């Protein structure tokens, strides 16, 4: 029997899924960390997590002023909640 030649198989690349708007949308995946991971890692409550979410997405969805206003509103909710305690 003759020597068999090794065959080269390129690394597997999974198919690129269609644009995902529910799980891991692009506007929350800029940079090294996904927004949801930061929210969980920092143990943020709903108001602060929402503010972070809107700040992070502001530059990437095409409606930056609206997202920054939403972030501001959630920060105001958090301030009101803390002052009422």
Protein backbone atom coordinates (compact mmCIF):
# COMPACT_ATOMS: atom_id res chain seq x y z
CA UNK A 1 0.00 0.00 0.00
CA UNK A 2 1.16 3.49 -0.79
CA UNK A 3 1.42 6.34 1.65
CA UNK A 4 -1.75 8.31 2.07
CA UNK A 5 -1.57 12.04 1.61
CA UNK A 6 -2.98 14.18 4.37
CA UNK A 7 -5.90 16.26 3.29
CA UNK A 8 -6.38 19.79 4.50
CA UNK A 9 -9.76 20.69 5.89
CA UNK A 10 -10.29 24.41 6.49
CA UNK A 11 -11.63 25.40 9.91
CA UNK A 12 -15.38 25.13 10.24
CA UNK A 13 -17.14 28.45 9.94
CA UNK A 14 -20.78 28.39 10.99
CA UNK A 15 -23.19 30.07 8.60
CA UNK A 16 -23.89 33.71 9.36
CA UNK A 17 -27.41 33.92 10.74
CA UNK A 18 -29.85 36.57 9.54
CA UNK A 19 -29.83 39.85 11.44
CA UNK A 20 -30.97 39.05 14.96
CA UNK A 21 -33.20 41.61 16.68
CA UNK A 22 -34.22 39.56 19.75
CA UNK A 23 -31.22 37.54 20.88
CA UNK A 24 -27.95 39.48 20.79
CA UNK A 25 -28.98 42.36 18.49
CA UNK A 26 -26.12 44.24 16.85
CA UNK A 27 -26.79 47.51 18.68
CA UNK A 28 -26.09 45.79 22.05
CA UNK A 29 -22.97 43.99 20.80
CA UNK A 30 -20.48 46.73 20.06
CA UNK A 31 -17.03 46.25 21.47
CA UNK A 32 -15.83 43.46 23.70
CA UNK A 33 -18.84 43.07 26.02
CA UNK A 34 -22.53 42.56 25.38
CA UNK A 35 -24.73 44.95 27.35
CA UNK A 36 -26.71 42.18 29.09
CA UNK A 37 -23.45 40.67 30.37
CA UNK A 38 -22.40 44.00 31.90
CA UNK A 39 -25.82 44.45 33.52
CA UNK A 40 -25.63 40.98 35.10
CA UNK A 41 -21.97 41.28 36.07
CA UNK A 42 -22.53 44.63 37.77
CA UNK A 43 -25.77 43.32 39.35
CA UNK A 44 -27.74 46.35 38.19
CA UNK A 45 -31.42 46.73 38.96
CA UNK A 46 -34.05 47.34 36.29
CA UNK A 47 -33.71 51.13 36.16
CA UNK A 48 -29.92 51.24 36.04
CA UNK A 49 -29.75 48.30 33.62
CA UNK A 50 -32.22 50.01 31.32
CA UNK A 51 -30.22 53.25 31.44
CA UNK A 52 -27.03 51.38 30.52
CA UNK A 53 -28.86 49.60 27.70
CA UNK A 54 -30.09 52.85 26.15
CA UNK A 55 -26.74 54.60 26.56
CA UNK A 56 -24.92 51.69 24.91
CA UNK A 57 -27.29 51.54 21.96
CA UNK A 58 -27.67 55.30 21.40
CA UNK A 59 -24.97 55.58 18.75
CA UNK A 60 -25.97 52.44 16.88
CA UNK A 61 -29.73 52.53 16.25
CA UNK A 62 -30.13 55.83 14.44
CA UNK A 63 -32.17 57.57 17.15
CA UNK A 64 -29.50 58.67 19.60
CA UNK A 65 -31.39 61.57 21.20
CA UNK A 66 -34.44 59.40 21.87
CA UNK A 67 -32.30 56.68 23.46
CA UNK A 68 -30.42 59.20 25.61
CA UNK A 69 -33.74 60.67 26.78
CA UNK A 70 -34.90 57.17 27.72
CA UNK A 71 -31.64 56.59 29.63
CA UNK A 72 -32.13 59.89 31.44
CA UNK A 73 -35.70 58.92 32.38
CA UNK A 74 -34.52 55.62 33.90
CA UNK A 75 -31.79 57.43 35.85
CA UNK A 76 -34.46 59.84 37.15
CA UNK A 77 -36.61 56.84 38.19
CA UNK A 78 -33.64 55.46 40.12
CA UNK A 79 -32.93 58.79 41.83
CA UNK A 80 -36.60 59.17 42.82
CA UNK A 81 -36.65 55.61 44.17
CA UNK A 82 -33.52 56.17 46.26
CA UNK A 83 -34.76 59.51 47.61
CA UNK A 84 -38.06 57.96 48.68
CA UNK A 85 -36.37 55.42 50.98
